[in-house]
Amino acid sequence: MKIKELSISSVCLLLPNIIFAEGLLGVQGMKIGAGKLYPDITVTTFYDDNLTRTSSNEISTFGILVVPHLAYEIKNNKKLYFADYEFTTAFHENSSDDDYTANRVQVGYEYTPTKRIFAGIRGEYLDAIDPRGTGAAEGTGIVPTEPDEWHHYQVEGNLGYGGKKAKGRAEVDLGYVSKKYDNNRSQTFVRDRDDASATGRFYYRIMPKTSLLLEGRYTNTNYDNEQAGVASLDSSTSEILLGVTWRSTFKTTGTAQFGYIDKDFDSDAQPDGDAFAWEVGVEWRPKSFSIFNFNTSRDFDETNGAGNFIETDSIDASWTHQWHKFSPRLSTVVDFSYSEQSFGTITREDDYLNLGISINYKMRRWLHLGGGYRYDERDSTDNDFDYDRNLVELFANIAL
């Protein structure tokens, strides 16, 4: 079940890259009752030379991140029940104000009664943080004394009709997210909001491995509180995309969609926004042990306090490789991303650059070791928002 999530913002940026392909960690799980339990824990040590992402008075620190995780599932040919829990705690040697804990709980159900019908529902509770220097705390001189803490409740349902080889196939997603901030309320009270969304997509097969894709999205956003003297940010966002999805060979798969996005504010005092939109994603596997990914998109995001919304153009690419000639246990990931952001009613524009490399070693079926380096920077037309940052990590993952 594909779900667009509000993810935890943490210092652990390289860890998602350790999974080269499904089953790399050799996770087997433990038979308990009618299902299987999958426990694992990741411990990461890191050095961050600009923890709060500022252009001056940078905080450099060593730290440790501990993430225990449990997943449980019961499945048969038609049904899947699953539950998932993850706990995150971070400690910083030179900045205890940035220590935090986070929790994520997910439960869900998927039902596939026939090859043509799919239905699923998932619920999530997440409490997390916006690290200092991100979100509404960007820039020099406005960094709070502690991270912004928040929680959300999310539910999403999915329904699909049409087999993989059918001429036509349709999917519908419905979702609701309620996000509330828990501290620094003098600044964060205006960011509490609810989002209700609906997405529909239709695939029409024109060749055995190629389909036309028509997709429509709608999100209604309502803020709980308004800032004095500022018009309401309640809005609706609509997007229509037309494109193609293909799997031309085992080596190449991809989707390319182009269309129009429109943001309509409830208040006439807030200028609306619209733009040409696109989403392109391509995966190329020249060898079974080497994967190249390329993605680019334009999207609208909610404001973080600057302007009335954020328009983001982004591009990212990665290369993941298993080094069989040297060791089948060794893999590397190199990734790059670049984005440009504009902020609606203000003239500020930001450019983001992010580069990373990680090395991963499967010492045992249940033990995975690795490390990496990441560099990121922001170049803004407002110099108070400029920063550059270096992050180095070493991690160990134990999965049963």
Protein backbone atom coordinates (compact mmCIF):
# COMPACT_ATOMS: atom_id res chain seq x y z
CA MET A 1 0.00 0.00 0.00
CA LYS A 2 1.61 3.26 -1.10
CA ILE A 3 1.19 6.16 1.29
CA LYS A 4 2.61 9.66 1.25
CA GLU A 5 3.90 10.06 4.79
CA LEU A 6 5.03 12.90 7.01
CA SER A 7 8.40 11.45 7.94
CA ILE A 8 10.51 11.92 11.05
CA SER A 9 13.20 14.55 10.46
CA SER A 10 16.30 13.17 12.14
CA VAL A 11 20.05 13.38 11.90
CA CYS A 12 20.21 9.84 10.52
CA LEU A 13 20.28 10.59 6.79
CA LEU A 14 22.30 7.71 5.40
CA LEU A 15 20.59 4.77 7.06
CA PRO A 16 17.78 4.34 4.48
CA ASN A 17 20.44 3.60 1.88
CA ILE A 18 21.64 0.39 3.54
CA ILE A 19 18.89 -1.69 2.01
CA PHE A 20 20.22 -2.41 -1.45
CA ALA A 21 17.42 -4.76 -2.42
CA GLU A 22 14.62 -6.61 -0.71
CA GLY A 23 16.08 -9.32 1.46
CA LEU A 24 19.59 -7.90 1.65
CA LEU A 25 19.63 -8.14 5.42
CA GLY A 26 18.47 -11.72 5.29
CA VAL A 27 15.62 -10.98 7.70
CA GLN A 28 13.79 -14.20 8.52
CA GLY A 29 11.53 -13.21 11.37
CA MET A 30 10.32 -15.23 14.34
CA LYS A 31 7.22 -17.41 14.15
CA ILE A 32 4.78 -16.25 16.84
CA GLY A 33 1.17 -17.42 16.79
CA ALA A 34 -0.37 -17.15 13.35
CA GLY A 35 2.21 -14.69 12.08
CA LYS A 36 5.84 -13.57 12.15
CA LEU A 37 7.62 -11.02 14.31
CA TYR A 38 10.48 -9.02 12.76
CA PRO A 39 12.65 -7.26 15.37
CA ASP A 40 15.68 -5.13 14.58
CA ILE A 41 17.72 -2.34 16.11
CA THR A 42 20.03 0.23 14.55
CA VAL A 43 22.68 2.18 16.46
CA THR A 44 24.27 5.14 14.69
CA THR A 45 27.12 7.34 15.86
CA PHE A 46 27.61 10.63 14.04
CA TYR A 47 29.46 13.91 13.84
CA ASP A 48 27.48 16.97 12.69
CA ASP A 49 29.37 20.25 12.16
CA ASN A 50 26.27 22.47 11.88
CA LEU A 51 23.48 20.91 13.89
CA THR A 52 21.07 23.86 13.68
CA ARG A 53 21.77 24.70 10.01
CA THR A 54 22.76 28.32 10.53
CA SER A 55 25.12 30.68 8.69
CA SER A 56 26.90 31.71 11.90
CA ASN A 57 27.44 30.45 15.46
CA GLU A 58 27.35 26.86 14.22
CA ILE A 59 27.02 24.04 16.76
CA SER A 60 29.25 21.03 16.06
CA THR A 61 28.66 17.85 18.00
CA PHE A 62 29.14 14.12 18.21
CA GLY A 63 26.03 12.09 18.91
CA ILE A 64 24.31 8.74 18.96
CA LEU A 65 20.99 7.61 17.52
CA VAL A 66 19.27 4.41 18.67
CA VAL A 67 16.29 3.02 16.72
CA PRO A 68 14.69 -0.26 17.90
CA HIS A 69 11.92 -1.52 15.62
CA LEU A 70 9.28 -4.26 15.72
CA ALA A 71 7.02 -5.44 12.89
CA TYR A 72 4.41 -8.20 13.03
CA GLU A 73 2.37 -9.59 10.15
CA ILE A 74 -0.17 -12.31 9.49
CA LYS A 75 -0.79 -13.12 5.84
CA ASN A 76 -2.23 -15.65 3.45
CA ASN A 77 -3.04 -15.59 -0.25
CA LYS A 78 -5.79 -12.99 0.15
CA LYS A 79 -5.27 -11.13 3.42
CA LEU A 80 -2.49 -9.29 5.21
CA TYR A 81 -2.67 -7.90 8.74
CA PHE A 82 0.31 -5.91 9.97
CA ALA A 83 1.47 -3.83 12.92
CA ASP A 84 4.66 -1.84 13.17
CA TYR A 85 6.34 0.08 16.01
CA GLU A 86 9.52 2.17 15.92
CA PHE A 87 11.15 4.11 18.75
CA THR A 88 13.87 6.70 18.12
CA THR A 89 16.11 8.40 20.64
CA ALA A 90 19.00 10.78 19.93
CA PHE A 91 21.73 12.18 22.18
CA HIS A 92 24.13 15.04 21.37
CA GLU A 93 27.42 15.52 23.22
CA ASN A 94 27.60 19.32 22.87
CA SER A 95 23.90 20.19 22.68
CA SER A 96 21.63 18.33 25.07
CA ASP A 97 18.80 20.73 24.13
CA ASP A 98 18.59 18.83 20.84
CA ASP A 99 18.17 15.39 22.43
CA TYR A 100 14.82 13.89 21.56
CA THR A 101 12.65 10.80 21.41
CA ALA A 102 10.10 9.84 18.78
CA ASN A 103 7.51 7.10 18.39
CA ARG A 104 5.71 5.69 15.37
CA VAL A 105 2.89 3.13 15.46
CA GLN A 106 1.23 1.70 12.34
CA VAL A 107 -1.51 -0.86 11.86
CA GLY A 108 -3.10 -1.98 8.63
CA TYR A 109 -5.07 -4.49 6.64
CA GLU A 110 -4.89 -5.48 2.97
CA TYR A 111 -7.38 -7.65 1.12
CA THR A 112 -7.00 -9.12 -2.36
CA PRO A 113 -10.05 -11.34 -2.95
CA THR A 114 -9.28 -11.77 -6.67
CA LYS A 115 -6.50 -10.87 -9.09
CA ARG A 116 -8.57 -7.84 -10.12
CA ILE A 117 -9.51 -6.33 -6.75
CA PHE A 118 -7.34 -4.80 -4.05
CA ALA A 119 -8.41 -2.97 -0.88
CA GLY A 120 -6.37 -1.71 2.03
CA ILE A 121 -6.52 0.55 5.06
CA ARG A 122 -3.75 1.85 7.29
CA GLY A 123 -3.62 3.97 10.43
CA GLU A 124 -0.63 5.71 11.95
CA TYR A 125 0.27 7.63 15.08
CA LEU A 126 3.56 9.53 14.99
CA ASP A 127 5.20 11.86 17.49
CA ALA A 128 8.37 13.48 16.19
CA ILE A 129 10.29 16.73 15.93
CA ASP A 130 11.40 19.40 13.50
CA PRO A 131 15.12 19.70 14.27
CA ARG A 132 16.30 23.20 15.09
CA GLY A 133 17.10 25.09 11.92
CA THR A 134 14.32 23.40 9.92
CA GLY A 135 10.64 24.17 9.38
CA ALA A 136 9.59 27.47 10.94
CA ALA A 137 12.97 27.73 12.75
CA GLU A 138 15.06 28.28 9.61
CA GLY A 139 17.62 31.05 9.49
CA THR A 140 20.00 32.94 11.73
CA GLY A 141 18.62 34.62 14.82
CA ILE A 142 15.32 32.74 15.08
CA VAL A 143 16.52 29.33 16.21
CA PRO A 144 14.50 28.26 19.30
CA THR A 145 16.13 26.79 22.40
CA GLU A 146 14.68 23.33 21.68
CA PRO A 147 13.27 21.47 18.65
CA ASP A 148 9.61 21.87 17.72
CA GLU A 149 7.75 18.76 18.86
CA TRP A 150 4.62 17.53 17.09
CA HIS A 151 2.35 14.54 16.63
CA HIS A 152 -0.04 13.40 13.97
CA TYR A 153 -2.82 10.90 13.38
CA GLN A 154 -3.18 9.54 9.87
CA VAL A 155 -5.56 7.15 8.16
CA GLU A 156 -5.63 6.12 4.51
CA GLY A 157 -7.67 3.74 2.46
CA ASN A 158 -6.88 2.33 -0.99
CA LEU A 159 -9.01 0.55 -3.56
CA GLY A 160 -7.89 -0.87 -6.88
CA TYR A 161 -9.70 -2.67 -9.69
CA GLY A 162 -8.08 -4.35 -12.68
CA GLY A 163 -5.47 -7.05 -13.11
CA LYS A 164 -1.86 -6.37 -14.03
CA LYS A 165 -2.48 -7.50 -17.62
CA ALA A 166 -5.92 -5.88 -17.96
CA LYS A 167 -6.51 -3.27 -20.66
CA GLY A 168 -7.67 -0.79 -18.04
CA ARG A 169 -6.96 -0.46 -14.33
CA ALA A 170 -8.26 2.06 -11.77
CA GLU A 171 -7.10 3.04 -8.27
CA VAL A 172 -8.51 5.36 -5.61
CA ASP A 173 -6.75 6.62 -2.45
CA LEU A 174 -8.46 8.52 0.39
CA GLY A 175 -6.53 10.00 3.29
CA TYR A 176 -6.77 12.19 6.37
CA VAL A 177 -3.94 13.64 8.51
CA SER A 178 -4.27 15.72 11.68
CA LYS A 179 -0.96 17.35 12.72
CA LYS A 180 -0.56 19.28 16.00
CA TYR A 181 2.47 20.93 17.62
CA ASP A 182 3.19 20.32 21.31
CA ASN A 183 5.71 22.99 22.40
CA ASN A 184 7.06 26.42 21.48
CA ARG A 185 3.40 27.31 21.16
CA SER A 186 3.94 31.06 20.81
CA GLN A 187 5.30 30.28 17.33
CA THR A 188 3.89 26.86 16.45
CA PHE A 189 0.20 27.38 17.30
CA VAL A 190 -0.43 28.69 13.77
CA ARG A 191 0.90 25.47 12.19
CA ASP A 192 -1.68 23.01 13.56
CA ARG A 193 -3.69 21.74 10.62
CA ASP A 194 -5.82 18.96 9.11
CA ASP A 195 -5.43 17.64 5.57
CA ALA A 196 -8.06 15.56 3.76
CA SER A 197 -7.01 14.14 0.39
CA ALA A 198 -8.33 12.09 -2.50
CA THR A 199 -6.42 10.65 -5.46
CA GLY A 200 -7.70 8.77 -8.47
CA ARG A 201 -5.64 7.21 -11.24
CA PHE A 202 -6.46 5.25 -14.36
CA TYR A 203 -4.05 3.08 -16.37
CA TYR A 204 -4.78 2.19 -19.99
CA ARG A 205 -2.45 -0.41 -21.48
CA ILE A 206 -1.30 0.49 -25.01
CA MET A 207 1.49 -2.12 -25.24
CA PRO A 208 2.26 -5.24 -23.20
CA LYS A 209 4.58 -3.32 -20.86
CA THR A 210 3.44 0.28 -21.41
CA SER A 211 0.34 2.11 -20.14
CA LEU A 212 -1.05 5.61 -20.36
CA LEU A 213 -1.67 7.10 -16.92
CA LEU A 214 -4.23 9.75 -15.97
CA GLU A 215 -4.09 10.93 -12.35
CA GLY A 216 -6.07 13.52 -10.40
CA ARG A 217 -5.34 14.70 -6.83
CA TYR A 218 -7.23 16.93 -4.42
CA THR A 219 -6.22 18.07 -0.92
CA ASN A 220 -8.24 20.27 1.42
CA THR A 221 -6.15 21.96 4.14
CA ASN A 222 -7.63 23.59 7.25
CA TYR A 223 -5.57 25.37 9.92
CA ASP A 224 -6.80 25.30 13.50
CA ASN A 225 -5.63 28.81 14.40
CA GLU A 226 -4.99 32.08 12.63
CA GLN A 227 -2.21 34.58 13.24
CA ALA A 228 -3.35 38.09 14.10
CA GLY A 229 -3.25 40.32 11.05
CA VAL A 230 -2.63 37.44 8.62
CA ALA A 231 -5.37 36.16 6.29
CA SER A 232 -6.41 32.53 6.66
CA LEU A 233 -4.19 29.93 4.99
CA ASP A 234 -7.03 27.43 4.56
CA SER A 235 -6.91 26.19 0.98
CA SER A 236 -7.60 23.46 -1.55
CA THR A 237 -4.95 22.09 -3.90
CA SER A 238 -5.88 20.36 -7.16
CA GLU A 239 -3.57 18.59 -9.57
CA ILE A 240 -4.16 16.79 -12.85
CA LEU A 241 -1.39 14.76 -14.54
CA LEU A 242 -1.23 12.79 -17.78
CA GLY A 243 1.63 10.55 -18.73
CA VAL A 244 2.96 7.10 -19.35
CA THR A 245 4.37 4.28 -17.26
CA TRP A 246 6.53 1.55 -18.72
CA ARG A 247 8.68 -1.49 -18.11
CA SER A 248 10.43 -1.80 -21.44
CA THR A 249 12.89 -4.44 -20.32
CA PHE A 250 14.12 -5.97 -17.11
CA LYS A 251 16.66 -3.14 -17.05
CA THR A 252 14.38 -0.11 -17.24
CA THR A 253 11.15 0.95 -15.56
CA GLY A 254 9.71 4.41 -15.24
CA THR A 255 6.81 6.85 -15.06
CA ALA A 256 6.59 10.31 -16.65
CA GLN A 257 3.60 12.59 -15.95
CA PHE A 258 2.94 16.20 -16.86
CA GLY A 259 0.05 18.48 -16.03
CA TYR A 260 -1.23 21.39 -13.97
CA ILE A 261 -1.37 22.23 -10.26
CA ASP A 262 -3.57 24.89 -8.65
CA LYS A 263 -3.76 26.16 -5.07
CA ASP A 264 -6.94 28.07 -4.20
CA PHE A 265 -7.07 29.90 -0.85
CA ASP A 266 -10.38 30.33 0.95
CA SER A 267 -9.48 33.94 1.76
CA ASP A 268 -9.51 36.46 -1.08
CA ALA A 269 -6.67 38.25 0.73
CA GLN A 270 -4.29 35.35 -0.01
CA PRO A 271 -3.06 35.22 -3.63
CA ASP A 272 -3.74 31.87 -5.29
CA GLY A 273 -1.04 29.89 -7.08
CA ASP A 274 -0.90 27.71 -10.18
CA ALA A 275 1.86 26.18 -12.28
CA PHE A 276 2.86 23.60 -14.85
CA ALA A 277 3.58 20.37 -12.92
CA TRP A 278 5.53 17.21 -13.61
CA GLU A 279 6.69 13.96 -12.02
CA VAL A 280 9.30 11.77 -13.70
CA GLY A 281 10.93 8.70 -12.20
CA VAL A 282 13.21 6.22 -13.95
CA GLU A 283 15.04 3.16 -12.66
CA TRP A 284 17.80 1.59 -14.76
CA ARG A 285 19.46 -1.74 -13.89
CA PRO A 286 22.33 -2.38 -16.32
CA LYS A 287 23.19 -5.34 -14.07
CA SER A 288 21.19 -7.11 -11.39
CA PHE A 289 23.66 -5.79 -8.81
CA SER A 290 23.72 -2.16 -9.99
CA ILE A 291 20.80 0.30 -9.89
CA PHE A 292 20.54 3.89 -11.13
CA ASN A 293 17.56 6.03 -10.10
CA PHE A 294 16.52 9.44 -11.42
CA ASN A 295 13.57 11.55 -10.26
CA THR A 296 12.38 15.08 -10.91
CA SER A 297 9.17 16.89 -9.94
CA ARG A 298 7.40 20.16 -9.25
CA ASP A 299 5.04 20.33 -6.27
CA PHE A 300 3.34 22.77 -3.88
CA ASP A 301 3.94 22.48 -0.11
CA GLU A 302 2.40 24.24 2.87
CA THR A 303 4.22 27.30 4.18
CA ASN A 304 6.70 26.95 7.02
CA GLY A 305 6.16 30.59 7.95
CA ALA A 306 7.62 32.22 4.84
CA GLY A 307 5.09 33.29 2.21
CA ASN A 308 1.71 31.62 1.82
CA PHE A 309 2.93 28.39 0.15
CA ILE A 310 6.14 26.84 -1.20
CA GLU A 311 6.70 25.85 -4.83
CA THR A 312 9.48 23.26 -5.10
CA ASP A 313 11.28 22.07 -8.23
CA SER A 314 13.52 19.12 -7.45
CA ILE A 315 15.84 16.62 -9.07
CA ASP A 316 17.60 13.68 -7.45
CA ALA A 317 19.70 10.77 -8.62
CA SER A 318 21.40 7.79 -7.00
CA TRP A 319 23.62 4.83 -7.85
CA THR A 320 23.50 1.69 -5.73
CA HIS A 321 26.03 -1.06 -6.40
CA GLN A 322 26.98 -4.41 -4.93
CA TRP A 323 30.68 -5.11 -5.41
CA HIS A 324 30.58 -8.81 -6.31
CA LYS A 325 34.11 -8.88 -7.71
CA PHE A 326 35.52 -7.76 -4.37
CA SER A 327 32.94 -9.13 -1.93
CA PRO A 328 29.25 -10.05 -2.31
CA ARG A 329 28.75 -8.58 1.18
CA LEU A 330 29.86 -5.05 0.18
CA SER A 331 27.61 -2.37 -1.35
CA THR A 332 27.77 1.38 -1.83
CA VAL A 333 25.28 4.16 -2.46
CA VAL A 334 26.06 7.52 -4.05
CA ASP A 335 23.23 10.06 -4.20
CA PHE A 336 22.65 13.64 -5.26
CA SER A 337 19.71 16.01 -4.97
CA TYR A 338 19.08 19.62 -5.92
CA SER A 339 15.95 21.72 -5.45
CA GLU A 340 14.75 25.27 -5.95
CA GLN A 341 12.06 26.77 -3.73
CA SER A 342 9.99 29.94 -4.07
CA PHE A 343 7.67 31.22 -1.36
CA GLY A 344 4.48 32.60 -2.85
CA THR A 345 3.88 36.11 -1.55
CA ILE A 346 7.54 36.93 -0.75
CA THR A 347 10.50 37.29 -3.11
CA ARG A 348 12.82 34.86 -1.26
CA GLU A 349 14.19 31.95 -3.28
CA ASP A 350 16.27 29.05 -1.93
CA ASP A 351 18.55 26.56 -3.67
CA TYR A 352 19.33 23.28 -1.89
CA LEU A 353 22.21 20.93 -2.68
CA ASN A 354 22.67 17.53 -1.04
CA LEU A 355 25.44 14.99 -1.73
CA GLY A 356 26.02 11.68 0.02
CA ILE A 357 27.99 8.45 -0.12
CA SER A 358 27.63 5.38 2.09
CA ILE A 359 29.46 2.06 2.34
CA ASN A 360 27.59 -0.96 3.67
CA TYR A 361 28.89 -4.35 4.71
CA LYS A 362 26.79 -7.44 5.44
CA MET A 363 28.99 -9.11 8.05
CA ARG A 364 26.39 -11.75 8.96
CA ARG A 365 22.87 -12.59 7.87
CA TRP A 366 21.66 -10.67 10.92
CA LEU A 367 24.40 -8.03 11.24
CA HIS A 368 24.90 -5.11 8.88
CA LEU A 369 27.63 -2.48 9.32
CA GLY A 370 28.25 0.72 7.43
CA GLY A 371 29.06 4.37 7.38
CA GLY A 372 28.95 7.41 5.20
CA TYR A 373 29.38 11.09 4.59
CA ARG A 374 26.81 13.71 3.62
CA TYR A 375 27.12 17.35 2.61
CA ASP A 376 24.20 19.73 2.28
CA GLU A 377 23.86 23.45 1.77
CA ARG A 378 21.24 26.12 1.22
CA ASP A 379 21.89 29.24 -0.85
CA SER A 380 19.14 31.82 -0.37
CA THR A 381 18.43 35.29 -1.72
CA ASP A 382 18.12 36.17 1.99
CA ASN A 383 21.60 35.60 3.40
CA ASP A 384 20.22 34.82 6.87
CA PHE A 385 19.08 31.47 5.47
CA ASP A 386 22.40 30.38 3.96
CA TYR A 387 24.22 27.43 5.53
CA ASP A 388 26.45 24.48 4.76
CA ARG A 389 26.72 21.28 6.78
CA ASN A 390 28.84 18.12 6.94
CA LEU A 391 27.61 14.89 8.51
CA VAL A 392 29.62 11.70 9.10
CA GLU A 393 28.00 8.48 10.37
CA LEU A 394 28.85 4.93 11.40
CA PHE A 395 26.04 2.44 12.04
CA ALA A 396 25.27 -1.14 12.99
CA ASN A 397 21.98 -2.89 12.28
CA ILE A 398 20.95 -6.17 13.94
CA ALA A 399 17.88 -7.86 12.45
CA LEU A 400 16.50 -11.27 13.43
